[in-house]
N, C-alpha and C. Protein backbone atom coordinates (compact mmCIF):
# COMPACT_ATOMS: atom_id res chain seq x y z
N UNK A 1 -14.25 -4.19 3.06
CA UNK A 1 -13.12 -3.68 3.89
C UNK A 1 -13.58 -2.40 4.56
N UNK A 2 -13.33 -2.23 5.85
CA UNK A 2 -13.73 -1.07 6.56
C UNK A 2 -12.95 0.14 6.09
N UNK A 3 -13.63 1.28 6.04
CA UNK A 3 -12.99 2.48 5.64
C UNK A 3 -12.20 3.06 6.80
N UNK A 4 -10.92 3.42 6.60
CA UNK A 4 -10.11 3.95 7.67
C UNK A 4 -10.48 5.43 7.90
N UNK A 5 -10.46 5.80 9.17
CA UNK A 5 -10.75 7.19 9.54
C UNK A 5 -9.43 7.82 9.91
N UNK A 6 -9.08 8.92 9.25
CA UNK A 6 -7.83 9.62 9.50
C UNK A 6 -8.09 10.93 10.24
N UNK A 7 -7.15 11.36 11.01
CA UNK A 7 -7.23 12.67 11.64
C UNK A 7 -7.04 13.70 10.54
N UNK A 8 -7.45 14.98 10.75
CA UNK A 8 -7.26 16.00 9.73
C UNK A 8 -5.80 16.14 9.30
N UNK A 9 -4.85 16.00 10.28
CA UNK A 9 -3.42 16.14 9.90
C UNK A 9 -3.02 15.02 8.95
N UNK A 10 -3.45 13.77 9.29
CA UNK A 10 -3.09 12.65 8.47
C UNK A 10 -3.67 12.84 7.09
N UNK A 11 -4.88 13.27 6.97
CA UNK A 11 -5.50 13.47 5.64
C UNK A 11 -4.76 14.51 4.82
N UNK A 12 -4.31 15.59 5.49
CA UNK A 12 -3.59 16.65 4.82
C UNK A 12 -2.23 16.13 4.34
N UNK A 13 -1.53 15.42 5.20
CA UNK A 13 -0.21 14.94 4.84
C UNK A 13 -0.27 13.91 3.73
N UNK A 14 -1.26 13.05 3.80
CA UNK A 14 -1.44 12.06 2.74
C UNK A 14 -1.73 12.78 1.39
N UNK A 15 -2.53 13.84 1.43
CA UNK A 15 -2.86 14.54 0.24
C UNK A 15 -1.60 15.16 -0.37
N UNK A 16 -0.70 15.71 0.49
CA UNK A 16 0.47 16.37 0.03
C UNK A 16 1.56 15.37 -0.38
N UNK A 17 1.71 14.29 0.39
CA UNK A 17 2.78 13.30 0.11
C UNK A 17 2.21 11.88 0.22
N UNK A 18 1.40 11.48 -0.74
CA UNK A 18 0.80 10.18 -0.68
C UNK A 18 1.80 9.07 -0.96
N UNK A 19 1.35 7.87 -0.73
CA UNK A 19 2.15 6.76 -1.23
C UNK A 19 2.23 6.88 -2.70
N UNK A 20 3.40 6.84 -3.26
CA UNK A 20 3.58 7.19 -4.67
C UNK A 20 4.29 6.05 -5.43
N UNK A 21 3.74 5.66 -6.55
CA UNK A 21 4.35 4.63 -7.40
C UNK A 21 5.25 5.31 -8.38
N UNK A 22 6.49 4.89 -8.43
CA UNK A 22 7.46 5.52 -9.40
C UNK A 22 8.12 4.46 -10.23
N UNK A 23 8.63 4.83 -11.38
CA UNK A 23 9.35 3.96 -12.29
C UNK A 23 8.66 2.64 -12.62
N UNK A 24 7.32 2.72 -12.89
CA UNK A 24 6.63 1.44 -13.25
C UNK A 24 7.07 0.92 -14.61
N UNK A 25 7.27 -0.37 -14.71
CA UNK A 25 7.62 -0.98 -15.97
C UNK A 25 6.78 -2.24 -16.13
N UNK A 26 6.35 -2.47 -17.37
CA UNK A 26 5.59 -3.68 -17.65
C UNK A 26 6.11 -4.27 -18.97
N UNK A 27 6.06 -5.56 -19.09
CA UNK A 27 6.50 -6.23 -20.28
C UNK A 27 5.72 -5.73 -21.50
N UNK A 28 6.39 -5.59 -22.60
CA UNK A 28 5.73 -5.01 -23.80
C UNK A 28 4.56 -5.86 -24.27
N UNK A 29 4.66 -7.16 -24.04
CA UNK A 29 3.58 -8.08 -24.49
C UNK A 29 2.53 -8.33 -23.39
N UNK A 30 2.60 -7.53 -22.33
CA UNK A 30 1.62 -7.72 -21.24
C UNK A 30 0.21 -7.47 -21.71
N UNK A 31 -0.70 -8.40 -21.39
CA UNK A 31 -2.08 -8.28 -21.73
C UNK A 31 -2.93 -8.39 -20.47
N UNK A 32 -3.85 -7.45 -20.29
CA UNK A 32 -4.69 -7.48 -19.03
C UNK A 32 -5.30 -8.86 -18.84
N UNK A 33 -5.16 -9.41 -17.64
CA UNK A 33 -5.55 -10.78 -17.38
C UNK A 33 -6.31 -10.92 -16.06
N UNK A 34 -7.23 -11.83 -16.03
CA UNK A 34 -7.91 -12.17 -14.81
C UNK A 34 -7.18 -13.35 -14.15
N UNK A 35 -6.34 -13.05 -13.18
CA UNK A 35 -5.61 -14.12 -12.51
C UNK A 35 -6.57 -14.84 -11.55
N UNK A 36 -6.41 -16.15 -11.52
CA UNK A 36 -7.31 -16.95 -10.65
C UNK A 36 -6.96 -16.83 -9.16
N UNK A 37 -5.66 -16.67 -8.90
CA UNK A 37 -5.27 -16.63 -7.48
C UNK A 37 -3.87 -15.93 -7.40
N UNK A 38 -3.83 -14.77 -6.76
CA UNK A 38 -2.61 -13.99 -6.63
C UNK A 38 -2.06 -14.08 -5.24
N UNK A 39 -0.80 -14.44 -5.12
CA UNK A 39 -0.13 -14.49 -3.81
C UNK A 39 0.53 -13.15 -3.55
N UNK A 40 0.23 -12.54 -2.44
CA UNK A 40 0.90 -11.28 -2.04
C UNK A 40 1.94 -11.62 -1.00
N UNK A 41 3.21 -11.38 -1.39
CA UNK A 41 4.33 -11.81 -0.57
C UNK A 41 5.25 -10.71 -0.21
N UNK A 42 5.32 -10.40 1.08
CA UNK A 42 6.29 -9.40 1.60
C UNK A 42 7.59 -10.10 1.97
N UNK A 43 8.69 -9.48 1.56
CA UNK A 43 10.00 -10.04 1.98
C UNK A 43 10.71 -8.97 2.78
N UNK A 44 10.52 -9.06 4.08
CA UNK A 44 11.09 -8.05 5.01
C UNK A 44 11.97 -8.69 6.05
N UNK A 45 12.84 -7.95 6.70
CA UNK A 45 13.63 -8.52 7.81
C UNK A 45 12.79 -9.09 8.90
N UNK A 46 13.33 -10.02 9.64
CA UNK A 46 12.55 -10.69 10.72
C UNK A 46 12.01 -9.66 11.76
N UNK A 47 12.76 -8.60 12.00
CA UNK A 47 12.29 -7.66 13.05
C UNK A 47 11.16 -6.73 12.50
N UNK A 48 10.82 -6.88 11.24
CA UNK A 48 9.73 -6.12 10.61
C UNK A 48 8.53 -7.00 10.35
N UNK A 49 8.38 -8.09 11.07
CA UNK A 49 7.32 -9.06 10.84
C UNK A 49 5.94 -8.41 10.90
N UNK A 50 5.74 -7.57 11.88
CA UNK A 50 4.41 -6.91 12.05
C UNK A 50 4.07 -6.10 10.78
N UNK A 51 5.05 -5.30 10.30
CA UNK A 51 4.84 -4.52 9.08
C UNK A 51 4.60 -5.44 7.88
N UNK A 52 5.35 -6.51 7.78
CA UNK A 52 5.16 -7.43 6.66
C UNK A 52 3.73 -7.97 6.65
N UNK A 53 3.24 -8.41 7.76
CA UNK A 53 1.90 -8.95 7.84
C UNK A 53 0.84 -7.88 7.42
N UNK A 54 1.03 -6.68 7.88
CA UNK A 54 0.07 -5.65 7.56
C UNK A 54 0.15 -5.27 6.06
N UNK A 55 1.35 -5.21 5.53
CA UNK A 55 1.47 -4.88 4.11
C UNK A 55 0.81 -5.97 3.26
N UNK A 56 1.09 -7.26 3.61
CA UNK A 56 0.50 -8.33 2.84
C UNK A 56 -1.02 -8.35 2.97
N UNK A 57 -1.53 -8.13 4.20
CA UNK A 57 -2.97 -8.13 4.38
C UNK A 57 -3.67 -7.05 3.67
N UNK A 58 -3.13 -5.81 3.75
CA UNK A 58 -3.80 -4.67 3.12
C UNK A 58 -3.70 -4.79 1.62
N UNK A 59 -2.57 -5.21 1.08
CA UNK A 59 -2.44 -5.35 -0.39
C UNK A 59 -3.46 -6.42 -0.88
N UNK A 60 -3.48 -7.51 -0.21
CA UNK A 60 -4.43 -8.57 -0.61
C UNK A 60 -5.88 -8.06 -0.51
N UNK A 61 -6.14 -7.31 0.56
CA UNK A 61 -7.49 -6.73 0.73
C UNK A 61 -7.84 -5.75 -0.33
N UNK A 62 -6.86 -4.89 -0.70
CA UNK A 62 -7.09 -3.89 -1.73
C UNK A 62 -7.24 -4.53 -3.13
N UNK A 63 -6.67 -5.69 -3.31
CA UNK A 63 -6.90 -6.43 -4.52
C UNK A 63 -8.27 -7.09 -4.57
N UNK A 64 -8.68 -7.65 -3.44
CA UNK A 64 -9.93 -8.35 -3.33
C UNK A 64 -11.15 -7.41 -3.41
N UNK A 65 -10.98 -6.19 -2.89
CA UNK A 65 -12.09 -5.30 -2.88
C UNK A 65 -12.74 -5.00 -4.25
N UNK A 66 -11.97 -4.79 -5.28
CA UNK A 66 -12.57 -4.58 -6.59
C UNK A 66 -12.84 -5.92 -7.34
N UNK A 67 -12.54 -7.05 -6.71
CA UNK A 67 -12.95 -8.32 -7.33
C UNK A 67 -11.84 -9.27 -7.71
N UNK A 68 -10.59 -8.93 -7.43
CA UNK A 68 -9.52 -9.82 -7.80
C UNK A 68 -9.33 -10.88 -6.69
N UNK A 69 -8.83 -12.01 -7.07
CA UNK A 69 -8.59 -13.10 -6.11
C UNK A 69 -7.16 -13.04 -5.63
N UNK A 70 -7.02 -12.77 -4.32
CA UNK A 70 -5.63 -12.62 -3.79
C UNK A 70 -5.64 -13.09 -2.32
N UNK A 71 -4.45 -13.50 -1.88
CA UNK A 71 -4.32 -13.97 -0.49
C UNK A 71 -2.94 -13.57 0.01
N UNK A 72 -2.89 -13.15 1.27
CA UNK A 72 -1.67 -12.76 1.90
C UNK A 72 -0.88 -14.01 2.24
N UNK A 73 0.42 -13.98 2.03
CA UNK A 73 1.31 -15.14 2.29
C UNK A 73 1.22 -15.61 3.76
N UNK A 74 1.09 -14.64 4.67
CA UNK A 74 1.08 -15.01 6.06
C UNK A 74 -0.13 -15.80 6.49
N UNK A 75 -1.14 -15.83 5.62
CA UNK A 75 -2.35 -16.55 5.94
C UNK A 75 -2.20 -18.08 5.69
N UNK A 76 -1.24 -18.51 4.91
CA UNK A 76 -1.08 -19.89 4.59
C UNK A 76 0.27 -20.47 4.75
N UNK A 77 1.32 -19.59 4.87
CA UNK A 77 2.66 -20.09 5.00
C UNK A 77 3.26 -19.64 6.34
N UNK A 78 3.96 -20.55 7.03
CA UNK A 78 4.59 -20.23 8.31
C UNK A 78 5.78 -19.28 8.10
N UNK A 79 6.16 -18.53 9.12
CA UNK A 79 7.33 -17.64 9.00
C UNK A 79 8.57 -18.41 8.63
N UNK A 80 9.40 -17.84 7.75
CA UNK A 80 10.63 -18.52 7.35
C UNK A 80 10.48 -19.32 6.09
N UNK A 81 9.27 -19.44 5.55
CA UNK A 81 9.06 -20.25 4.36
C UNK A 81 9.87 -19.69 3.18
N UNK A 82 9.92 -18.33 3.11
CA UNK A 82 10.59 -17.70 2.02
C UNK A 82 11.88 -17.04 2.45
N UNK A 83 12.69 -17.82 3.22
CA UNK A 83 13.95 -17.29 3.70
C UNK A 83 14.92 -16.98 2.54
N UNK A 84 15.71 -15.96 2.73
CA UNK A 84 16.62 -15.51 1.69
C UNK A 84 17.55 -16.65 1.26
N UNK A 85 17.63 -16.81 -0.05
CA UNK A 85 18.56 -17.78 -0.64
C UNK A 85 17.99 -19.21 -0.78
N UNK A 86 16.88 -19.50 -0.13
CA UNK A 86 16.29 -20.83 -0.19
C UNK A 86 15.25 -20.86 -1.27
N UNK A 87 15.66 -20.77 -2.48
CA UNK A 87 14.69 -20.73 -3.64
C UNK A 87 13.97 -22.03 -3.83
N UNK A 88 14.67 -23.14 -3.55
CA UNK A 88 14.01 -24.46 -3.75
C UNK A 88 12.84 -24.60 -2.78
N UNK A 89 13.05 -24.23 -1.54
CA UNK A 89 11.95 -24.34 -0.56
C UNK A 89 10.81 -23.42 -0.94
N UNK A 90 11.11 -22.21 -1.42
CA UNK A 90 10.07 -21.28 -1.78
C UNK A 90 9.26 -21.81 -2.98
N UNK A 91 9.93 -22.31 -3.97
CA UNK A 91 9.26 -22.85 -5.14
C UNK A 91 8.42 -24.04 -4.78
N UNK A 92 8.92 -24.91 -3.95
CA UNK A 92 8.14 -26.12 -3.50
C UNK A 92 6.93 -25.69 -2.70
N UNK A 93 7.02 -24.63 -1.88
CA UNK A 93 5.90 -24.22 -1.06
C UNK A 93 4.76 -23.71 -1.93
N UNK A 94 5.14 -23.01 -3.00
CA UNK A 94 4.11 -22.38 -3.87
C UNK A 94 3.40 -23.44 -4.76
N UNK A 95 4.17 -24.37 -5.22
CA UNK A 95 3.64 -25.36 -6.17
C UNK A 95 2.40 -26.11 -5.59
N UNK A 96 1.42 -26.31 -6.44
CA UNK A 96 0.25 -27.06 -6.01
C UNK A 96 -0.75 -26.24 -5.22
N UNK A 97 -0.53 -24.93 -5.02
CA UNK A 97 -1.45 -24.14 -4.22
C UNK A 97 -2.44 -23.36 -5.15
N UNK A 98 -2.30 -23.50 -6.44
CA UNK A 98 -3.24 -22.84 -7.34
C UNK A 98 -2.93 -21.40 -7.70
N UNK A 99 -1.73 -20.94 -7.31
CA UNK A 99 -1.40 -19.56 -7.67
C UNK A 99 -0.93 -19.45 -9.09
N UNK A 100 -1.42 -18.38 -9.77
CA UNK A 100 -0.90 -18.10 -11.15
C UNK A 100 -0.28 -16.77 -11.25
N UNK A 101 -0.27 -16.00 -10.13
CA UNK A 101 0.44 -14.72 -10.08
C UNK A 101 0.95 -14.42 -8.68
N UNK A 102 2.09 -13.74 -8.63
CA UNK A 102 2.69 -13.36 -7.34
C UNK A 102 3.02 -11.90 -7.40
N UNK A 103 2.62 -11.16 -6.35
CA UNK A 103 3.03 -9.77 -6.18
C UNK A 103 3.93 -9.68 -4.98
N UNK A 104 5.18 -9.29 -5.18
CA UNK A 104 6.13 -9.21 -4.08
C UNK A 104 6.30 -7.76 -3.60
N UNK A 105 6.62 -7.63 -2.31
CA UNK A 105 6.85 -6.32 -1.70
C UNK A 105 8.14 -6.40 -0.95
N UNK A 106 9.14 -5.66 -1.38
CA UNK A 106 10.46 -5.74 -0.82
C UNK A 106 10.95 -4.31 -0.43
N UNK A 107 11.38 -4.07 0.83
CA UNK A 107 11.86 -2.76 1.17
C UNK A 107 13.29 -2.53 0.64
N UNK A 108 13.54 -1.37 0.01
CA UNK A 108 14.81 -1.01 -0.45
C UNK A 108 15.62 -0.26 0.63
N UNK A 109 14.94 0.65 1.31
CA UNK A 109 15.58 1.42 2.35
C UNK A 109 14.48 2.14 3.18
N UNK A 110 14.87 2.63 4.33
CA UNK A 110 13.98 3.47 5.13
C UNK A 110 14.83 4.47 5.88
N UNK A 111 14.32 5.66 6.14
CA UNK A 111 14.98 6.63 6.91
C UNK A 111 13.99 7.54 7.60
N UNK A 112 14.42 8.03 8.74
CA UNK A 112 13.55 8.92 9.56
C UNK A 112 13.73 10.38 9.06
N UNK A 113 12.58 11.07 9.03
CA UNK A 113 12.60 12.49 8.67
C UNK A 113 11.76 13.19 9.69
N UNK A 114 12.15 14.42 10.04
CA UNK A 114 11.40 15.19 11.01
C UNK A 114 10.35 16.04 10.30
N UNK A 115 9.13 15.99 10.77
CA UNK A 115 8.07 16.78 10.14
C UNK A 115 7.42 17.63 11.22
N UNK A 116 6.86 18.76 10.81
CA UNK A 116 6.15 19.65 11.79
C UNK A 116 4.67 19.29 11.74
N UNK A 117 4.09 19.02 12.91
CA UNK A 117 2.69 18.70 13.04
C UNK A 117 1.93 19.91 13.61
N UNK A 118 1.12 20.53 12.81
CA UNK A 118 0.33 21.68 13.30
C UNK A 118 -0.54 21.23 14.46
N UNK A 119 -0.78 22.14 15.40
CA UNK A 119 -1.62 21.77 16.53
C UNK A 119 -3.04 21.46 16.18
N UNK A 120 -3.58 22.17 15.17
CA UNK A 120 -4.96 21.91 14.74
C UNK A 120 -5.10 22.27 13.26
N UNK A 121 -5.71 21.36 12.53
CA UNK A 121 -5.97 21.58 11.12
C UNK A 121 -7.43 21.35 10.87
N UNK A 122 -8.08 22.28 10.13
CA UNK A 122 -9.51 22.12 9.90
C UNK A 122 -9.75 21.58 8.51
N UNK A 123 -10.64 20.59 8.44
CA UNK A 123 -11.03 20.01 7.20
C UNK A 123 -11.84 21.06 6.43
N UNK A 124 -11.60 21.11 5.08
CA UNK A 124 -12.31 22.07 4.25
C UNK A 124 -13.82 21.87 4.33
N UNK A 125 -14.22 20.65 4.61
CA UNK A 125 -15.67 20.38 4.73
C UNK A 125 -16.27 21.20 5.88
N UNK A 126 -15.49 21.55 6.85
CA UNK A 126 -15.96 22.38 7.96
C UNK A 126 -16.53 23.67 7.41
N UNK A 127 -15.82 24.29 6.53
CA UNK A 127 -16.23 25.61 5.97
C UNK A 127 -17.48 25.44 5.11
N UNK A 128 -17.65 24.32 4.48
CA UNK A 128 -18.84 24.09 3.66
C UNK A 128 -20.09 23.97 4.57
N UNK A 129 -19.88 23.38 5.72
CA UNK A 129 -21.01 23.19 6.63
C UNK A 129 -21.28 24.42 7.46
N UNK A 130 -20.20 25.09 7.89
CA UNK A 130 -20.35 26.23 8.80
C UNK A 130 -19.63 27.46 8.19
N UNK A 131 -20.23 28.00 7.17
CA UNK A 131 -19.61 29.06 6.36
C UNK A 131 -19.75 30.43 6.96
N UNK A 132 -20.39 30.58 8.12
CA UNK A 132 -20.62 31.89 8.75
C UNK A 132 -19.29 32.48 9.24
N UNK A 133 -19.15 33.78 9.13
CA UNK A 133 -17.91 34.40 9.50
C UNK A 133 -17.55 34.25 10.97
N UNK A 134 -18.54 34.37 11.84
CA UNK A 134 -18.25 34.28 13.27
C UNK A 134 -17.75 32.92 13.65
N UNK A 135 -18.30 31.87 13.02
CA UNK A 135 -17.81 30.52 13.35
C UNK A 135 -16.42 30.26 12.74
N UNK A 136 -16.26 30.84 11.54
CA UNK A 136 -14.92 30.74 10.93
C UNK A 136 -13.91 31.44 11.78
N UNK A 137 -14.19 32.61 12.32
CA UNK A 137 -13.27 33.36 13.15
C UNK A 137 -12.93 32.61 14.42
N UNK A 138 -13.92 31.96 14.98
CA UNK A 138 -13.75 31.18 16.22
C UNK A 138 -12.84 29.99 15.96
N UNK A 139 -13.06 29.34 14.78
CA UNK A 139 -12.22 28.17 14.43
C UNK A 139 -10.77 28.58 14.20
N UNK A 140 -10.57 29.69 13.47
CA UNK A 140 -9.22 30.13 13.17
C UNK A 140 -8.48 30.52 14.46
N UNK A 141 -9.17 31.18 15.37
CA UNK A 141 -8.59 31.60 16.64
C UNK A 141 -8.11 30.40 17.44
N UNK A 142 -8.97 29.36 17.49
CA UNK A 142 -8.63 28.14 18.16
C UNK A 142 -7.40 27.46 17.55
N UNK A 143 -7.39 27.47 16.19
CA UNK A 143 -6.30 26.82 15.52
C UNK A 143 -4.97 27.52 15.78
N UNK A 144 -4.98 28.84 15.79
CA UNK A 144 -3.74 29.63 16.01
C UNK A 144 -3.26 29.43 17.44
N UNK A 145 -4.16 29.28 18.42
CA UNK A 145 -3.76 29.16 19.82
C UNK A 145 -3.37 27.74 20.17
N UNK A 146 -3.53 26.76 19.29
CA UNK A 146 -3.10 25.40 19.58
C UNK A 146 -1.71 25.16 19.07
N UNK A 147 -0.74 24.93 19.98
CA UNK A 147 0.65 24.79 19.53
C UNK A 147 0.87 23.47 18.77
N UNK A 148 1.81 23.53 17.83
CA UNK A 148 2.22 22.37 17.06
C UNK A 148 3.44 21.74 17.72
N UNK A 149 3.98 20.73 17.03
CA UNK A 149 5.19 20.08 17.53
C UNK A 149 5.90 19.37 16.39
N UNK A 150 7.13 18.96 16.60
CA UNK A 150 7.91 18.21 15.60
C UNK A 150 7.88 16.71 15.96
N UNK A 151 7.82 15.89 14.95
CA UNK A 151 7.79 14.42 15.15
C UNK A 151 8.61 13.74 14.07
N UNK A 152 9.11 12.60 14.43
CA UNK A 152 9.85 11.77 13.47
C UNK A 152 8.91 10.84 12.73
N UNK A 153 9.01 10.82 11.43
CA UNK A 153 8.25 9.85 10.61
C UNK A 153 9.28 9.09 9.74
N UNK A 154 8.96 7.85 9.49
CA UNK A 154 9.86 7.02 8.70
C UNK A 154 9.38 6.92 7.23
N UNK A 155 10.29 7.19 6.34
CA UNK A 155 9.97 7.09 4.93
C UNK A 155 10.51 5.77 4.42
N UNK A 156 9.66 5.00 3.75
CA UNK A 156 10.09 3.71 3.19
C UNK A 156 10.13 3.81 1.67
N UNK A 157 11.11 3.19 1.10
CA UNK A 157 11.15 3.02 -0.36
C UNK A 157 11.07 1.50 -0.63
N UNK A 158 10.20 1.13 -1.56
CA UNK A 158 9.88 -0.25 -1.81
C UNK A 158 10.12 -0.63 -3.29
N UNK A 159 10.31 -1.93 -3.50
CA UNK A 159 10.33 -2.46 -4.82
C UNK A 159 9.18 -3.47 -4.90
N UNK A 160 8.43 -3.44 -6.00
CA UNK A 160 7.31 -4.37 -6.21
C UNK A 160 7.49 -5.08 -7.52
N UNK A 161 7.36 -6.41 -7.55
CA UNK A 161 7.40 -7.18 -8.75
C UNK A 161 6.16 -8.01 -8.89
N UNK A 162 5.70 -8.21 -10.09
CA UNK A 162 4.58 -9.13 -10.35
C UNK A 162 5.05 -10.21 -11.28
N UNK A 163 4.88 -11.46 -10.88
CA UNK A 163 5.30 -12.63 -11.65
C UNK A 163 4.08 -13.38 -12.15
N UNK A 164 4.14 -13.71 -13.47
CA UNK A 164 3.16 -14.60 -14.01
C UNK A 164 3.72 -15.99 -13.91
N UNK A 165 3.04 -16.82 -13.08
CA UNK A 165 3.60 -18.15 -12.84
C UNK A 165 3.36 -19.14 -14.00
N UNK A 166 2.46 -18.80 -14.91
CA UNK A 166 2.29 -19.68 -16.10
C UNK A 166 3.50 -19.52 -17.02
N UNK A 167 3.96 -18.29 -17.22
CA UNK A 167 5.11 -18.06 -18.12
C UNK A 167 6.44 -18.07 -17.31
N UNK A 168 6.29 -18.05 -15.93
CA UNK A 168 7.46 -17.95 -15.07
C UNK A 168 8.29 -16.73 -15.36
N UNK A 169 7.65 -15.64 -15.67
CA UNK A 169 8.36 -14.39 -16.00
C UNK A 169 7.84 -13.22 -15.16
N UNK A 170 8.79 -12.32 -14.80
CA UNK A 170 8.42 -11.07 -14.18
C UNK A 170 7.81 -10.16 -15.28
N UNK A 171 6.60 -9.71 -15.09
CA UNK A 171 5.95 -8.89 -16.14
C UNK A 171 5.69 -7.49 -15.65
N UNK A 172 6.05 -7.16 -14.44
CA UNK A 172 5.82 -5.81 -13.92
C UNK A 172 6.81 -5.55 -12.79
N UNK A 173 7.33 -4.32 -12.72
CA UNK A 173 8.11 -3.92 -11.55
C UNK A 173 7.93 -2.46 -11.36
N UNK A 174 8.06 -1.99 -10.15
CA UNK A 174 7.89 -0.57 -9.83
C UNK A 174 8.56 -0.25 -8.49
N UNK A 175 8.90 0.98 -8.31
CA UNK A 175 9.35 1.51 -7.01
C UNK A 175 8.19 2.27 -6.40
N UNK A 176 8.17 2.35 -5.09
CA UNK A 176 7.14 3.08 -4.43
C UNK A 176 7.67 3.69 -3.10
N UNK A 177 6.97 4.72 -2.65
CA UNK A 177 7.39 5.43 -1.45
C UNK A 177 6.22 5.61 -0.53
N UNK A 178 6.42 5.36 0.77
CA UNK A 178 5.35 5.52 1.76
C UNK A 178 5.94 6.19 3.00
N UNK A 179 5.02 6.76 3.80
CA UNK A 179 5.35 7.30 5.11
C UNK A 179 4.52 6.60 6.19
N UNK A 180 5.12 6.35 7.35
CA UNK A 180 4.39 5.76 8.42
C UNK A 180 3.66 6.86 9.21
N UNK A 181 2.77 7.57 8.55
CA UNK A 181 2.15 8.76 9.08
C UNK A 181 1.43 8.51 10.40
N UNK A 182 0.62 7.48 10.41
CA UNK A 182 -0.17 7.23 11.62
C UNK A 182 -0.11 5.78 11.99
N UNK A 183 1.04 5.14 11.76
CA UNK A 183 1.19 3.76 12.10
C UNK A 183 1.15 2.84 10.92
N UNK A 184 1.42 1.58 11.19
CA UNK A 184 1.59 0.61 10.10
C UNK A 184 0.29 0.32 9.35
N UNK A 185 -0.87 0.40 10.02
CA UNK A 185 -2.14 0.16 9.33
C UNK A 185 -2.38 1.19 8.26
N UNK A 186 -2.17 2.47 8.59
CA UNK A 186 -2.39 3.55 7.63
C UNK A 186 -1.40 3.45 6.52
N UNK A 187 -0.13 3.17 6.85
CA UNK A 187 0.89 3.00 5.79
C UNK A 187 0.52 1.97 4.81
N UNK A 188 0.14 0.82 5.32
CA UNK A 188 -0.21 -0.30 4.44
C UNK A 188 -1.39 -0.04 3.58
N UNK A 189 -2.43 0.64 4.15
CA UNK A 189 -3.65 0.86 3.38
C UNK A 189 -3.45 1.90 2.30
N UNK A 190 -2.72 2.98 2.61
CA UNK A 190 -2.52 4.02 1.57
C UNK A 190 -1.53 3.58 0.52
N UNK A 191 -0.82 2.52 0.79
CA UNK A 191 0.14 1.93 -0.16
C UNK A 191 -0.56 1.01 -1.11
N UNK A 192 -1.52 0.23 -0.66
CA UNK A 192 -2.15 -0.83 -1.45
C UNK A 192 -2.97 -0.30 -2.59
N UNK A 193 -3.75 0.73 -2.37
CA UNK A 193 -4.69 1.21 -3.38
C UNK A 193 -3.93 1.74 -4.66
N UNK A 194 -2.90 2.66 -4.50
CA UNK A 194 -2.19 3.07 -5.70
C UNK A 194 -1.49 1.91 -6.44
N UNK A 195 -1.05 0.89 -5.71
CA UNK A 195 -0.39 -0.24 -6.34
C UNK A 195 -1.39 -1.01 -7.24
N UNK A 196 -2.61 -1.21 -6.76
CA UNK A 196 -3.60 -1.88 -7.56
C UNK A 196 -3.91 -1.05 -8.82
N UNK A 197 -4.06 0.25 -8.63
CA UNK A 197 -4.31 1.12 -9.77
C UNK A 197 -3.19 1.07 -10.82
N UNK A 198 -1.93 0.98 -10.37
CA UNK A 198 -0.81 0.90 -11.27
C UNK A 198 -0.80 -0.42 -12.03
N UNK A 199 -1.15 -1.53 -11.36
CA UNK A 199 -1.22 -2.81 -12.06
C UNK A 199 -2.28 -2.83 -13.14
N UNK A 200 -3.34 -2.11 -12.92
CA UNK A 200 -4.43 -2.03 -13.91
C UNK A 200 -3.96 -1.14 -15.07
N UNK A 201 -3.43 0.01 -14.75
CA UNK A 201 -3.00 0.97 -15.78
C UNK A 201 -1.88 0.43 -16.69
N UNK A 202 -1.03 -0.44 -16.14
CA UNK A 202 0.07 -1.03 -16.93
C UNK A 202 -0.33 -2.35 -17.59
N UNK A 203 -1.61 -2.62 -17.66
CA UNK A 203 -2.13 -3.78 -18.40
C UNK A 203 -1.70 -5.14 -17.82
N UNK A 204 -1.54 -5.18 -16.48
CA UNK A 204 -1.26 -6.49 -15.85
C UNK A 204 -2.55 -7.13 -15.38
N UNK A 205 -3.40 -6.34 -14.74
CA UNK A 205 -4.68 -6.88 -14.29
C UNK A 205 -5.81 -6.32 -15.17
N UNK A 206 -6.77 -7.13 -15.41
CA UNK A 206 -7.96 -6.70 -16.12
C UNK A 206 -8.74 -5.69 -15.29
N UNK A 207 -9.37 -4.72 -15.95
CA UNK A 207 -10.08 -3.71 -15.16
C UNK A 207 -11.18 -4.31 -14.31
N UNK A 208 -11.36 -3.78 -13.10
CA UNK A 208 -12.33 -4.36 -12.17
C UNK A 208 -13.70 -4.56 -12.72
N UNK A 209 -14.16 -3.66 -13.57
CA UNK A 209 -15.54 -3.78 -14.08
C UNK A 209 -15.65 -4.89 -15.11
N UNK A 210 -14.49 -5.44 -15.52
CA UNK A 210 -14.50 -6.61 -16.43
C UNK A 210 -14.04 -7.88 -15.78
N UNK A 211 -13.80 -7.80 -14.43
CA UNK A 211 -13.18 -8.94 -13.74
C UNK A 211 -14.01 -10.20 -13.73
N UNK A 212 -15.31 -10.10 -14.00
CA UNK A 212 -16.13 -11.29 -13.91
C UNK A 212 -16.37 -11.89 -15.30
N UNK A 213 -15.74 -11.25 -16.34
CA UNK A 213 -15.94 -11.79 -17.69
C UNK A 213 -15.08 -12.98 -17.97
């Protein structure tokens, strides 16, 4: 998976307010497992189809990167397959596809918040490379003279469930928070990695270094 490049502002904001997993719960008898095939399924309104696709793709990608087998629902199912209330159709669609785990992504709410964007932010690495006072003074002067601005960012709150299809039980659930700091790609990518870490720490997924055992 290609590494995303963020602007200094994006990096700073992510560091201060990252995608955060909250209220994680796992079944008491949960045992770390190597799932053969995990379906990543976003359940979003029709007008959020672009975001749904990106969330599914990045979550699946973030699962595959350390060695788990996962696939985004949009890669194999047409839109509307998992329409609200049509549980029979959803169950029929999944059967026979080889899935033994499902990770769902469902938005609980979203709201816009105004944030202040500094005109220029310097990466700390700059000072490590160019530690001379004259260069530092020049950088600070430029930063001060660059005006900032206010912008609207959308905060999303999500619910995530993991279902073991062999036992037909939900064995993990959590809430999470993300910001659309630099668009849907960044939101989806910064969201996926902490989710994978949470699934490992709560004994749902076997640790990546043991995934081939």
